[in-house]
Amino acid sequence: MKGTRAAQRYAKAILDLANDKKVAKDVKEDMLSISKTIENSEDLRSTLASPVIKPSLKNQILKAIFKDVNGLTTGVFNLLVENNRINILDVVAKQYLSLFDTSILVQNAVVTTVVPLTKELEVKIQAKIKELTGKEATIENKIDESILGGFVLRVGDLQYDASVANNLNNLKTEFKTGNNAYVSKI
């Protein structure tokens, strides 16, 4: 992805400054909003990438869209415009979010279920994540009816498959190989 190394440096500097000023969580919320807004707006992406639109106008547009952000975040807009790097704002925001989560030992987990997670299930899955990794995680819920029931948890390169479909496949394999306790007794 273009500008990733520069975005990483900007994000690290922003996080360091935000931690010094004790506003890292506020800036995280700003960066989350910025990331989602840019991701969902083709017009905004085009505007930020356009070499025809003046940087000062881009800065005004960002400040109008994100008028309730922390002062540090507004400073990020100014800095990126000044350094002619406003086109990597979305990458900077994503890098910040990643660095922030890493800094507070929070990781991202994807939980695939048949139905949306309830609060009670989310708490149980959070406990399972803590048991498996020793860390907290933000949970993203994906719906996939093909797993039939249960859940599939993916945290980084770790996968925990407690789905009904997986259990049925394991049982099928055991029957085929004859390694099943029930089959050997017959």
N, C-alpha and C. Protein backbone atom coordinates (compact mmCIF):
# COMPACT_ATOMS: atom_id res chain seq x y z
N MET A 1 0.85 -1.19 0.00
CA MET A 1 0.00 0.00 0.00
C MET A 1 0.89 1.24 0.00
N LYS A 2 0.57 2.18 -0.86
CA LYS A 2 1.36 3.38 -1.01
C LYS A 2 1.33 4.23 0.26
N GLY A 3 2.52 4.67 0.69
CA GLY A 3 2.62 5.54 1.85
C GLY A 3 2.59 4.84 3.18
N THR A 4 2.70 3.51 3.19
CA THR A 4 2.59 2.77 4.44
C THR A 4 3.73 3.08 5.40
N ARG A 5 4.95 3.14 4.89
CA ARG A 5 6.09 3.42 5.78
C ARG A 5 5.99 4.82 6.38
N ALA A 6 5.64 5.78 5.55
CA ALA A 6 5.48 7.15 6.05
C ALA A 6 4.32 7.20 7.05
N ALA A 7 3.23 6.51 6.72
CA ALA A 7 2.06 6.49 7.61
C ALA A 7 2.43 5.88 8.95
N GLN A 8 3.25 4.84 8.94
CA GLN A 8 3.69 4.20 10.19
C GLN A 8 4.46 5.20 11.06
N ARG A 9 5.34 5.97 10.44
CA ARG A 9 6.12 6.96 11.19
C ARG A 9 5.21 8.06 11.76
N TYR A 10 4.28 8.54 10.94
CA TYR A 10 3.35 9.56 11.42
C TYR A 10 2.50 9.01 12.57
N ALA A 11 1.98 7.81 12.39
CA ALA A 11 1.12 7.21 13.41
C ALA A 11 1.86 7.03 14.72
N LYS A 12 3.10 6.58 14.66
CA LYS A 12 3.89 6.39 15.88
C LYS A 12 4.12 7.72 16.58
N ALA A 13 4.46 8.75 15.81
CA ALA A 13 4.68 10.07 16.40
C ALA A 13 3.39 10.61 17.02
N ILE A 14 2.27 10.41 16.35
CA ILE A 14 0.98 10.87 16.87
C ILE A 14 0.65 10.14 18.17
N LEU A 15 0.86 8.82 18.19
CA LEU A 15 0.57 8.04 19.40
C LEU A 15 1.46 8.49 20.55
N ASP A 16 2.74 8.70 20.29
CA ASP A 16 3.65 9.16 21.34
C ASP A 16 3.19 10.50 21.91
N LEU A 17 2.83 11.41 21.04
CA LEU A 17 2.36 12.73 21.48
C LEU A 17 1.02 12.61 22.23
N ALA A 18 0.13 11.79 21.70
CA ALA A 18 -1.18 11.60 22.36
C ALA A 18 -1.00 10.98 23.74
N ASN A 19 -0.08 10.03 23.87
CA ASN A 19 0.19 9.44 25.19
C ASN A 19 0.75 10.48 26.15
N ASP A 20 1.67 11.34 25.66
CA ASP A 20 2.24 12.39 26.49
C ASP A 20 1.16 13.35 26.99
N LYS A 21 0.20 13.65 26.12
CA LYS A 21 -0.87 14.58 26.48
C LYS A 21 -2.07 13.89 27.11
N LYS A 22 -1.96 12.56 27.26
CA LYS A 22 -3.02 11.73 27.87
C LYS A 22 -4.35 11.85 27.13
N VAL A 23 -4.28 11.86 25.80
CA VAL A 23 -5.48 11.91 24.97
C VAL A 23 -5.49 10.79 23.93
N ALA A 24 -4.71 9.74 24.18
CA ALA A 24 -4.58 8.66 23.20
C ALA A 24 -5.92 8.01 22.87
N LYS A 25 -6.78 7.82 23.89
CA LYS A 25 -8.09 7.20 23.63
C LYS A 25 -8.99 8.12 22.82
N ASP A 26 -8.94 9.42 23.10
CA ASP A 26 -9.74 10.37 22.32
C ASP A 26 -9.28 10.38 20.86
N VAL A 27 -7.97 10.39 20.65
CA VAL A 27 -7.43 10.39 19.30
C VAL A 27 -7.77 9.07 18.61
N LYS A 28 -7.80 7.98 19.38
CA LYS A 28 -8.19 6.68 18.80
C LYS A 28 -9.61 6.77 18.24
N GLU A 29 -10.52 7.35 19.01
CA GLU A 29 -11.90 7.50 18.53
C GLU A 29 -11.95 8.37 17.28
N ASP A 30 -11.14 9.43 17.26
CA ASP A 30 -11.07 10.29 16.08
C ASP A 30 -10.58 9.50 14.87
N MET A 31 -9.50 8.74 15.07
CA MET A 31 -8.90 7.98 13.97
C MET A 31 -9.86 6.89 13.46
N LEU A 32 -10.62 6.32 14.37
CA LEU A 32 -11.62 5.33 13.97
C LEU A 32 -12.68 5.98 13.10
N SER A 33 -13.13 7.15 13.50
CA SER A 33 -14.13 7.90 12.73
C SER A 33 -13.56 8.31 11.37
N ILE A 34 -12.33 8.78 11.35
CA ILE A 34 -11.69 9.20 10.10
C ILE A 34 -11.57 8.01 9.16
N SER A 35 -11.08 6.90 9.68
CA SER A 35 -10.88 5.70 8.87
C SER A 35 -12.19 5.22 8.25
N LYS A 36 -13.22 5.14 9.06
CA LYS A 36 -14.52 4.67 8.56
C LYS A 36 -15.13 5.64 7.56
N THR A 37 -15.00 6.94 7.82
CA THR A 37 -15.56 7.94 6.94
C THR A 37 -14.88 7.91 5.58
N ILE A 38 -13.55 7.85 5.58
CA ILE A 38 -12.82 7.81 4.31
C ILE A 38 -13.12 6.52 3.57
N GLU A 39 -13.18 5.43 4.30
CA GLU A 39 -13.48 4.13 3.68
C GLU A 39 -14.85 4.11 3.01
N ASN A 40 -15.82 4.80 3.62
CA ASN A 40 -17.19 4.78 3.11
C ASN A 40 -17.52 5.92 2.15
N SER A 41 -16.56 6.80 1.87
CA SER A 41 -16.84 7.95 1.01
C SER A 41 -15.87 8.02 -0.16
N GLU A 42 -16.34 7.63 -1.32
CA GLU A 42 -15.52 7.71 -2.54
C GLU A 42 -15.16 9.17 -2.83
N ASP A 43 -16.11 10.08 -2.59
CA ASP A 43 -15.85 11.50 -2.84
C ASP A 43 -14.71 12.02 -1.98
N LEU A 44 -14.70 11.66 -0.71
CA LEU A 44 -13.65 12.13 0.19
C LEU A 44 -12.30 11.53 -0.22
N ARG A 45 -12.28 10.24 -0.56
CA ARG A 45 -11.03 9.61 -1.02
C ARG A 45 -10.50 10.32 -2.26
N SER A 46 -11.39 10.61 -3.20
CA SER A 46 -10.99 11.30 -4.43
C SER A 46 -10.47 12.70 -4.14
N THR A 47 -11.14 13.39 -3.25
CA THR A 47 -10.73 14.75 -2.89
C THR A 47 -9.34 14.75 -2.28
N LEU A 48 -9.09 13.84 -1.34
CA LEU A 48 -7.79 13.79 -0.67
C LEU A 48 -6.67 13.39 -1.64
N ALA A 49 -6.97 12.57 -2.62
CA ALA A 49 -5.97 12.09 -3.57
C ALA A 49 -5.76 13.06 -4.74
N SER A 50 -6.67 13.97 -4.94
CA SER A 50 -6.61 14.86 -6.11
C SER A 50 -5.45 15.85 -6.04
N PRO A 51 -4.63 15.87 -7.10
CA PRO A 51 -3.55 16.86 -7.15
C PRO A 51 -4.06 18.25 -7.56
N VAL A 52 -5.30 18.32 -8.06
CA VAL A 52 -5.87 19.58 -8.52
C VAL A 52 -6.41 20.41 -7.37
N ILE A 53 -6.96 19.75 -6.35
CA ILE A 53 -7.54 20.48 -5.22
C ILE A 53 -6.42 20.95 -4.30
N LYS A 54 -6.47 22.23 -3.96
CA LYS A 54 -5.42 22.83 -3.13
C LYS A 54 -5.41 22.19 -1.73
N PRO A 55 -4.21 21.99 -1.19
CA PRO A 55 -4.10 21.39 0.15
C PRO A 55 -4.88 22.18 1.22
N SER A 56 -4.89 23.49 1.11
CA SER A 56 -5.61 24.29 2.11
C SER A 56 -7.11 24.01 2.06
N LEU A 57 -7.64 23.76 0.85
CA LEU A 57 -9.06 23.43 0.70
C LEU A 57 -9.33 22.04 1.29
N LYS A 58 -8.42 21.10 1.07
CA LYS A 58 -8.56 19.76 1.64
C LYS A 58 -8.61 19.86 3.17
N ASN A 59 -7.74 20.70 3.72
CA ASN A 59 -7.71 20.90 5.18
C ASN A 59 -9.03 21.47 5.67
N GLN A 60 -9.57 22.45 4.97
CA GLN A 60 -10.86 23.05 5.35
C GLN A 60 -11.97 22.00 5.29
N ILE A 61 -11.94 21.17 4.27
CA ILE A 61 -12.97 20.12 4.12
C ILE A 61 -12.89 19.16 5.29
N LEU A 62 -11.68 18.72 5.63
CA LEU A 62 -11.51 17.78 6.75
C LEU A 62 -11.98 18.40 8.07
N LYS A 63 -11.63 19.66 8.27
CA LYS A 63 -12.03 20.32 9.52
C LYS A 63 -13.55 20.53 9.58
N ALA A 64 -14.20 20.67 8.43
CA ALA A 64 -15.66 20.81 8.40
C ALA A 64 -16.32 19.46 8.68
N ILE A 65 -15.78 18.40 8.11
CA ILE A 65 -16.35 17.07 8.31
C ILE A 65 -16.11 16.58 9.74
N PHE A 66 -14.90 16.80 10.23
CA PHE A 66 -14.51 16.30 11.56
C PHE A 66 -14.35 17.47 12.53
N LYS A 67 -15.42 18.23 12.69
CA LYS A 67 -15.34 19.44 13.52
C LYS A 67 -15.26 19.16 15.02
N ASP A 68 -15.63 17.96 15.45
CA ASP A 68 -15.63 17.66 16.88
C ASP A 68 -14.43 16.84 17.34
N VAL A 69 -13.36 16.81 16.53
CA VAL A 69 -12.20 16.00 16.90
C VAL A 69 -11.30 16.73 17.90
N ASN A 70 -10.44 15.96 18.52
CA ASN A 70 -9.46 16.48 19.47
C ASN A 70 -8.53 17.46 18.75
N GLY A 71 -8.00 18.42 19.47
CA GLY A 71 -7.07 19.39 18.90
C GLY A 71 -5.84 18.74 18.29
N LEU A 72 -5.40 17.65 18.88
CA LEU A 72 -4.24 16.93 18.34
C LEU A 72 -4.56 16.37 16.95
N THR A 73 -5.76 15.88 16.77
CA THR A 73 -6.17 15.34 15.48
C THR A 73 -6.24 16.45 14.44
N THR A 74 -6.71 17.61 14.82
CA THR A 74 -6.71 18.76 13.92
C THR A 74 -5.28 19.13 13.54
N GLY A 75 -4.39 19.01 14.50
CA GLY A 75 -2.97 19.25 14.22
C GLY A 75 -2.40 18.25 13.22
N VAL A 76 -2.91 17.02 13.25
CA VAL A 76 -2.49 16.00 12.28
C VAL A 76 -2.90 16.44 10.88
N PHE A 77 -4.13 16.94 10.74
CA PHE A 77 -4.57 17.44 9.43
C PHE A 77 -3.60 18.51 8.94
N ASN A 78 -3.29 19.48 9.83
CA ASN A 78 -2.41 20.58 9.46
C ASN A 78 -1.03 20.06 9.04
N LEU A 79 -0.48 19.13 9.82
CA LEU A 79 0.85 18.59 9.54
C LEU A 79 0.89 17.85 8.21
N LEU A 80 -0.12 17.01 7.97
CA LEU A 80 -0.14 16.25 6.73
C LEU A 80 -0.33 17.16 5.52
N VAL A 81 -1.12 18.21 5.66
CA VAL A 81 -1.30 19.18 4.58
C VAL A 81 0.02 19.92 4.34
N GLU A 82 0.64 20.36 5.41
CA GLU A 82 1.91 21.10 5.31
C GLU A 82 3.00 20.27 4.63
N ASN A 83 3.03 18.97 4.92
CA ASN A 83 4.04 18.08 4.34
C ASN A 83 3.59 17.43 3.03
N ASN A 84 2.46 17.90 2.51
CA ASN A 84 1.90 17.38 1.25
C ASN A 84 1.68 15.86 1.33
N ARG A 85 1.16 15.39 2.47
CA ARG A 85 0.91 13.97 2.69
C ARG A 85 -0.53 13.69 3.09
N ILE A 86 -1.43 14.63 2.87
CA ILE A 86 -2.82 14.45 3.29
C ILE A 86 -3.47 13.26 2.59
N ASN A 87 -2.93 12.86 1.45
CA ASN A 87 -3.48 11.72 0.71
C ASN A 87 -3.29 10.39 1.45
N ILE A 88 -2.44 10.35 2.47
CA ILE A 88 -2.25 9.10 3.24
C ILE A 88 -2.95 9.15 4.60
N LEU A 89 -3.86 10.09 4.77
CA LEU A 89 -4.56 10.22 6.05
C LEU A 89 -5.25 8.93 6.47
N ASP A 90 -5.91 8.25 5.53
CA ASP A 90 -6.60 7.01 5.89
C ASP A 90 -5.62 5.94 6.36
N VAL A 91 -4.45 5.86 5.74
CA VAL A 91 -3.45 4.88 6.14
C VAL A 91 -2.87 5.25 7.51
N VAL A 92 -2.65 6.53 7.73
CA VAL A 92 -2.16 7.00 9.04
C VAL A 92 -3.17 6.63 10.12
N ALA A 93 -4.45 6.84 9.85
CA ALA A 93 -5.49 6.53 10.83
C ALA A 93 -5.49 5.03 11.16
N LYS A 94 -5.40 4.19 10.14
CA LYS A 94 -5.39 2.73 10.37
C LYS A 94 -4.14 2.30 11.13
N GLN A 95 -3.01 2.88 10.78
CA GLN A 95 -1.76 2.55 11.48
C GLN A 95 -1.84 2.99 12.94
N TYR A 96 -2.42 4.15 13.19
CA TYR A 96 -2.59 4.62 14.57
C TYR A 96 -3.43 3.63 15.37
N LEU A 97 -4.54 3.19 14.78
CA LEU A 97 -5.43 2.25 15.47
C LEU A 97 -4.69 0.96 15.81
N SER A 98 -3.91 0.48 14.88
CA SER A 98 -3.15 -0.75 15.10
C SER A 98 -2.10 -0.55 16.20
N LEU A 99 -1.37 0.55 16.14
CA LEU A 99 -0.35 0.83 17.17
C LEU A 99 -0.99 1.04 18.54
N PHE A 100 -2.13 1.71 18.56
CA PHE A 100 -2.83 1.94 19.83
C PHE A 100 -3.23 0.61 20.47
N ASP A 101 -3.84 -0.26 19.67
CA ASP A 101 -4.25 -1.56 20.19
C ASP A 101 -3.06 -2.37 20.70
N THR A 102 -1.98 -2.34 19.95
CA THR A 102 -0.77 -3.06 20.37
C THR A 102 -0.22 -2.47 21.66
N SER A 103 -0.25 -1.16 21.78
CA SER A 103 0.33 -0.51 22.96
C SER A 103 -0.43 -0.83 24.25
N ILE A 104 -1.73 -1.13 24.12
CA ILE A 104 -2.49 -1.47 25.34
C ILE A 104 -2.81 -2.96 25.40
N LEU A 105 -2.05 -3.72 24.61
CA LEU A 105 -2.17 -5.18 24.61
C LEU A 105 -3.58 -5.65 24.25
N VAL A 106 -4.18 -4.98 23.30
CA VAL A 106 -5.48 -5.41 22.79
C VAL A 106 -5.26 -5.88 21.36
N GLN A 107 -5.82 -7.00 21.04
CA GLN A 107 -5.69 -7.53 19.69
C GLN A 107 -7.07 -7.61 19.04
N ASN A 108 -7.08 -7.86 17.77
CA ASN A 108 -8.35 -7.97 17.05
C ASN A 108 -8.69 -9.44 16.88
N ALA A 109 -9.96 -9.77 17.12
CA ALA A 109 -10.45 -11.14 16.96
C ALA A 109 -11.65 -11.13 16.04
N VAL A 110 -11.70 -12.12 15.15
CA VAL A 110 -12.84 -12.29 14.27
C VAL A 110 -13.57 -13.54 14.73
N VAL A 111 -14.84 -13.39 15.07
CA VAL A 111 -15.66 -14.51 15.53
C VAL A 111 -16.74 -14.74 14.49
N THR A 112 -16.72 -15.95 13.92
CA THR A 112 -17.72 -16.31 12.93
C THR A 112 -18.79 -17.15 13.61
N THR A 113 -20.04 -16.73 13.48
CA THR A 113 -21.17 -17.42 14.08
C THR A 113 -22.31 -17.51 13.07
N VAL A 114 -23.32 -18.30 13.42
CA VAL A 114 -24.50 -18.42 12.56
C VAL A 114 -25.42 -17.21 12.75
N VAL A 115 -25.51 -16.74 13.98
CA VAL A 115 -26.36 -15.60 14.32
C VAL A 115 -25.50 -14.52 14.98
N PRO A 116 -25.96 -13.26 14.98
CA PRO A 116 -25.18 -12.22 15.64
C PRO A 116 -24.95 -12.52 17.12
N LEU A 117 -23.78 -12.12 17.62
CA LEU A 117 -23.44 -12.35 19.02
C LEU A 117 -24.30 -11.52 19.96
N THR A 118 -24.72 -12.13 21.05
CA THR A 118 -25.38 -11.39 22.12
C THR A 118 -24.30 -10.90 23.07
N LYS A 119 -24.65 -10.03 23.98
CA LYS A 119 -23.69 -9.53 24.96
C LYS A 119 -23.13 -10.67 25.82
N GLU A 120 -24.01 -11.61 26.20
CA GLU A 120 -23.57 -12.74 27.04
C GLU A 120 -22.55 -13.61 26.30
N LEU A 121 -22.83 -13.88 25.01
CA LEU A 121 -21.89 -14.68 24.21
C LEU A 121 -20.57 -13.94 24.00
N GLU A 122 -20.67 -12.64 23.81
CA GLU A 122 -19.46 -11.84 23.63
C GLU A 122 -18.56 -11.91 24.86
N VAL A 123 -19.17 -11.89 26.04
CA VAL A 123 -18.41 -11.99 27.29
C VAL A 123 -17.74 -13.36 27.38
N LYS A 124 -18.46 -14.43 27.01
CA LYS A 124 -17.89 -15.78 27.05
C LYS A 124 -16.74 -15.92 26.05
N ILE A 125 -16.92 -15.36 24.88
CA ILE A 125 -15.86 -15.43 23.86
C ILE A 125 -14.66 -14.61 24.28
N GLN A 126 -14.91 -13.46 24.89
CA GLN A 126 -13.80 -12.64 25.41
C GLN A 126 -13.00 -13.43 26.44
N ALA A 127 -13.70 -14.21 27.29
CA ALA A 127 -13.02 -15.05 28.28
C ALA A 127 -12.19 -16.13 27.59
N LYS A 128 -12.73 -16.71 26.52
CA LYS A 128 -12.00 -17.74 25.77
C LYS A 128 -10.75 -17.15 25.12
N ILE A 129 -10.87 -15.94 24.60
CA ILE A 129 -9.73 -15.25 23.99
C ILE A 129 -8.65 -15.02 25.05
N LYS A 130 -9.08 -14.57 26.21
CA LYS A 130 -8.14 -14.30 27.31
C LYS A 130 -7.45 -15.60 27.72
N GLU A 131 -8.21 -16.70 27.76
CA GLU A 131 -7.65 -18.01 28.12
C GLU A 131 -6.63 -18.48 27.09
N LEU A 132 -6.94 -18.28 25.81
CA LEU A 132 -6.06 -18.76 24.74
C LEU A 132 -4.82 -17.89 24.53
N THR A 133 -4.98 -16.57 24.68
CA THR A 133 -3.88 -15.66 24.33
C THR A 133 -3.31 -14.87 25.50
N GLY A 134 -4.07 -14.79 26.58
CA GLY A 134 -3.62 -13.99 27.72
C GLY A 134 -3.87 -12.50 27.53
N LYS A 135 -4.56 -12.12 26.46
CA LYS A 135 -4.81 -10.71 26.17
C LYS A 135 -6.29 -10.46 25.90
N GLU A 136 -6.68 -9.21 26.02
CA GLU A 136 -8.02 -8.78 25.64
C GLU A 136 -8.07 -8.64 24.13
N ALA A 137 -9.26 -8.55 23.58
CA ALA A 137 -9.39 -8.37 22.14
C ALA A 137 -10.66 -7.60 21.80
N THR A 138 -10.58 -6.85 20.72
CA THR A 138 -11.79 -6.26 20.16
C THR A 138 -12.39 -7.34 19.26
N ILE A 139 -13.69 -7.49 19.32
CA ILE A 139 -14.34 -8.59 18.61
C ILE A 139 -15.11 -8.08 17.40
N GLU A 140 -14.82 -8.68 16.26
CA GLU A 140 -15.58 -8.43 15.03
C GLU A 140 -16.38 -9.69 14.75
N ASN A 141 -17.69 -9.54 14.61
CA ASN A 141 -18.56 -10.69 14.40
C ASN A 141 -18.92 -10.82 12.92
N LYS A 142 -18.62 -12.01 12.35
CA LYS A 142 -19.03 -12.31 10.97
C LYS A 142 -20.06 -13.42 11.02
N ILE A 143 -21.03 -13.33 10.15
CA ILE A 143 -22.11 -14.31 10.09
C ILE A 143 -21.84 -15.27 8.93
N ASP A 144 -21.89 -16.59 9.21
CA ASP A 144 -21.71 -17.62 8.19
C ASP A 144 -22.57 -18.82 8.57
N GLU A 145 -23.65 -19.01 7.85
CA GLU A 145 -24.59 -20.09 8.17
C GLU A 145 -24.03 -21.48 7.88
N SER A 146 -22.95 -21.56 7.11
CA SER A 146 -22.39 -22.86 6.75
C SER A 146 -21.72 -23.57 7.94
N ILE A 147 -21.44 -22.84 9.03
CA ILE A 147 -20.81 -23.51 10.18
C ILE A 147 -21.84 -24.23 11.04
N LEU A 148 -23.12 -24.05 10.74
CA LEU A 148 -24.26 -24.73 11.36
C LEU A 148 -24.54 -24.32 12.81
N GLY A 149 -23.54 -24.06 13.59
CA GLY A 149 -23.70 -23.67 14.99
C GLY A 149 -22.33 -23.53 15.63
N GLY A 150 -22.29 -23.11 16.88
CA GLY A 150 -21.01 -22.90 17.55
C GLY A 150 -20.36 -21.63 17.02
N PHE A 151 -19.01 -21.62 17.02
CA PHE A 151 -18.30 -20.44 16.52
C PHE A 151 -16.89 -20.82 16.06
N VAL A 152 -16.33 -19.95 15.23
CA VAL A 152 -14.94 -20.06 14.81
C VAL A 152 -14.29 -18.76 15.24
N LEU A 153 -13.21 -18.87 16.02
CA LEU A 153 -12.52 -17.71 16.54
C LEU A 153 -11.15 -17.61 15.89
N ARG A 154 -10.84 -16.44 15.34
CA ARG A 154 -9.51 -16.22 14.77
C ARG A 154 -8.92 -14.98 15.42
N VAL A 155 -7.75 -15.18 16.06
CA VAL A 155 -7.02 -14.09 16.69
C VAL A 155 -5.59 -14.18 16.15
N GLY A 156 -5.22 -13.21 15.31
CA GLY A 156 -3.90 -13.26 14.68
C GLY A 156 -3.78 -14.53 13.86
N ASP A 157 -2.76 -15.33 14.13
CA ASP A 157 -2.59 -16.59 13.38
C ASP A 157 -3.15 -17.79 14.13
N LEU A 158 -3.84 -17.54 15.23
CA LEU A 158 -4.47 -18.61 16.02
C LEU A 158 -5.93 -18.77 15.60
N GLN A 159 -6.34 -20.02 15.38
CA GLN A 159 -7.75 -20.27 15.06
C GLN A 159 -8.28 -21.34 16.00
N TYR A 160 -9.42 -21.07 16.60
CA TYR A 160 -10.11 -22.00 17.49
C TYR A 160 -11.46 -22.30 16.85
N ASP A 161 -11.64 -23.53 16.41
CA ASP A 161 -12.85 -23.89 15.68
C ASP A 161 -13.76 -24.74 16.56
N ALA A 162 -14.82 -24.13 17.08
CA ALA A 162 -15.80 -24.83 17.91
C ALA A 162 -17.14 -24.87 17.18
N SER A 163 -17.06 -25.01 15.85
CA SER A 163 -18.29 -25.03 15.05
C SER A 163 -18.85 -26.44 14.96
N VAL A 164 -20.13 -26.51 14.76
CA VAL A 164 -20.81 -27.80 14.59
C VAL A 164 -20.30 -28.47 13.31
N ALA A 165 -20.11 -27.68 12.25
CA ALA A 165 -19.62 -28.24 10.99
C ALA A 165 -18.25 -28.89 11.18
N ASN A 166 -17.36 -28.26 11.93
CA ASN A 166 -16.04 -28.83 12.19
C ASN A 166 -16.15 -30.11 13.01
N ASN A 167 -16.99 -30.10 14.02
CA ASN A 167 -17.18 -31.31 14.84
C ASN A 167 -17.72 -32.47 14.01
N LEU A 168 -18.67 -32.18 13.11
CA LEU A 168 -19.21 -33.22 12.23
C LEU A 168 -18.14 -33.76 11.29
N ASN A 169 -17.31 -32.87 10.76
CA ASN A 169 -16.21 -33.31 9.88
C ASN A 169 -15.21 -34.18 10.63
N ASN A 170 -14.89 -33.80 11.87
CA ASN A 170 -13.97 -34.61 12.68
C ASN A 170 -14.56 -35.99 12.95
N LEU A 171 -15.84 -36.04 13.26
CA LEU A 171 -16.51 -37.31 13.52
C LEU A 171 -16.52 -38.18 12.26
N LYS A 172 -16.78 -37.56 11.13
CA LYS A 172 -16.79 -38.26 9.85
C LYS A 172 -15.41 -38.87 9.57
N THR A 173 -14.36 -38.10 9.83
CA THR A 173 -12.99 -38.58 9.63
C THR A 173 -12.68 -39.75 10.54
N GLU A 174 -13.11 -39.66 11.80
CA GLU A 174 -12.88 -40.76 12.75
C GLU A 174 -13.56 -42.04 12.29
N PHE A 175 -14.77 -41.94 11.78
CA PHE A 175 -15.49 -43.12 11.30
C PHE A 175 -14.79 -43.73 10.09
N LYS A 176 -14.29 -42.88 9.20
CA LYS A 176 -13.62 -43.38 8.00
C LYS A 176 -12.31 -44.09 8.33
N THR A 177 -11.57 -43.57 9.30
CA THR A 177 -10.26 -44.15 9.62
C THR A 177 -10.36 -45.29 10.62
N GLY A 178 -11.49 -45.43 11.26
CA GLY A 178 -11.67 -46.51 12.23
C GLY A 178 -11.02 -46.21 13.57
N ASN A 179 -10.67 -44.95 13.83
CA ASN A 179 -10.04 -44.59 15.09
C ASN A 179 -11.05 -44.21 16.15
N ASN A 180 -12.30 -44.47 15.91
CA ASN A 180 -13.33 -44.12 16.84
C ASN A 180 -13.53 -45.22 17.86
N ALA A 181 -13.70 -44.88 19.10
CA ALA A 181 -13.90 -45.87 20.18
C ALA A 181 -15.15 -46.69 19.93
N TYR A 182 -16.18 -46.07 19.34
CA TYR A 182 -17.43 -46.80 19.08
C TYR A 182 -17.24 -47.86 17.99
N VAL A 183 -16.47 -47.49 16.97
CA VAL A 183 -16.25 -48.40 15.85
C VAL A 183 -15.41 -49.60 16.29
N SER A 184 -14.40 -49.39 17.12
CA SER A 184 -13.51 -50.49 17.52
C SER A 184 -14.21 -51.49 18.44
N LYS A 185 -15.29 -51.08 19.11
CA LYS A 185 -16.02 -51.99 19.99
C LYS A 185 -16.97 -52.89 19.21
N ILE A 186 -17.32 -52.51 18.01
CA ILE A 186 -18.30 -53.26 17.22
C ILE A 186 -17.72 -54.50 16.61
